Protein backbone atom coordinates (compact mmCIF):
# COMPACT_ATOMS: atom_id res chain seq x y z
CA MET A 1 95.85 45.76 -26.56
CA THR A 2 99.31 45.34 -28.96
CA PRO A 3 99.34 42.09 -31.48
CA SER A 4 102.43 40.37 -31.10
CA THR A 5 104.70 40.95 -34.78
CA LYS A 6 107.73 40.69 -33.12
CA PRO A 7 109.11 37.71 -30.63
CA VAL A 8 109.05 39.10 -26.99
CA SER A 9 111.17 37.20 -24.38
CA ARG A 10 110.90 37.08 -20.86
CA MET A 11 112.07 35.02 -17.84
CA THR A 12 109.47 33.59 -15.57
CA SER A 13 109.39 33.28 -12.14
CA ALA A 14 108.69 29.63 -12.81
CA TYR A 15 111.40 27.01 -12.30
CA VAL A 16 111.21 23.38 -13.27
CA ARG A 17 113.50 20.66 -12.71
CA ASP A 18 115.53 20.29 -16.04
CA GLN A 19 118.78 19.01 -15.06
CA GLY A 20 118.78 20.86 -12.16
CA PHE A 21 116.55 23.39 -10.87
CA ARG A 22 116.73 26.14 -13.55
CA ALA A 23 113.95 28.90 -14.63
CA VAL A 24 111.76 28.79 -16.84
CA ALA A 25 112.19 31.34 -20.34
CA VAL A 26 109.44 32.48 -22.51
CA THR A 27 108.74 34.03 -26.21
CA ILE A 28 105.69 34.79 -27.51
CA VAL A 29 106.32 35.01 -31.40
CA GLY A 30 102.64 35.67 -33.24
CA SER A 31 100.35 33.07 -32.32
CA VAL A 32 102.66 30.23 -30.18
CA ILE A 33 104.36 30.31 -26.85
CA GLU A 34 108.09 28.76 -26.47
CA LEU A 35 108.75 28.19 -23.18
CA ARG A 36 112.29 25.94 -22.20
CA ALA A 37 114.36 26.02 -19.43
CA LYS A 38 117.09 28.73 -18.56
CA GLY A 39 120.24 26.87 -20.25
CA ARG A 40 118.52 24.44 -22.44
CA ARG A 41 118.47 24.99 -26.20
CA GLN A 42 115.47 22.55 -26.78
CA THR A 43 112.18 24.62 -26.44
CA GLU A 44 108.57 23.21 -26.20
CA VAL A 45 106.62 25.61 -28.35
CA VAL A 46 102.42 25.68 -28.13
CA ASP A 47 100.13 27.41 -29.51
CA VAL A 48 97.70 29.68 -27.54
CA ALA A 49 94.67 28.71 -29.36
CA SER A 50 94.79 25.51 -28.20
CA LEU A 51 96.22 26.24 -25.25
CA TYR A 52 93.47 28.80 -23.92
CA TYR A 53 90.60 25.62 -25.41
CA ARG A 54 92.73 23.52 -22.26
CA ALA A 55 91.64 26.21 -20.10
CA VAL A 56 88.56 26.78 -20.59
CA LYS A 57 88.32 22.60 -20.45
CA GLU A 58 89.57 22.49 -17.38
CA ARG A 59 87.67 25.31 -15.77
CA VAL A 60 84.59 23.30 -16.91
CA ILE A 61 85.90 20.14 -15.19
CA SER A 62 86.91 21.95 -11.93
CA GLU A 63 83.23 23.71 -12.45
CA LYS A 64 81.34 20.38 -12.37
CA LYS A 65 83.54 19.21 -9.91
CA ALA A 66 82.22 21.46 -7.20
CA LYS A 67 78.81 20.95 -8.30
CA LYS A 68 78.79 17.43 -7.74
CA ALA A 69 80.53 18.00 -4.95
CA ALA A 70 77.75 20.67 -3.25
CA ARG A 71 75.41 18.44 -4.31
CA LYS A 72 76.80 15.28 -2.54
CA LYS A 73 77.18 17.65 0.30
CA THR A 74 73.55 18.90 0.41
CA GLY A 75 71.71 15.87 -0.53
């Protein structure tokens, strides 16, 4: 894969309510992701490593819930 050395901006298909119904713009700069509602200046910055950690944590929690539900159903 190509390393992200230059900022890359894209409009997403996601929409949020931020003083109206607006599309979300994403900019990838190095190891951070900047999110903002289209037409707004306020940005939210997320570190990619912490985002990855959170996604893994959510997956593990979901798997534990599914496993617990399966045990409850059979036992």
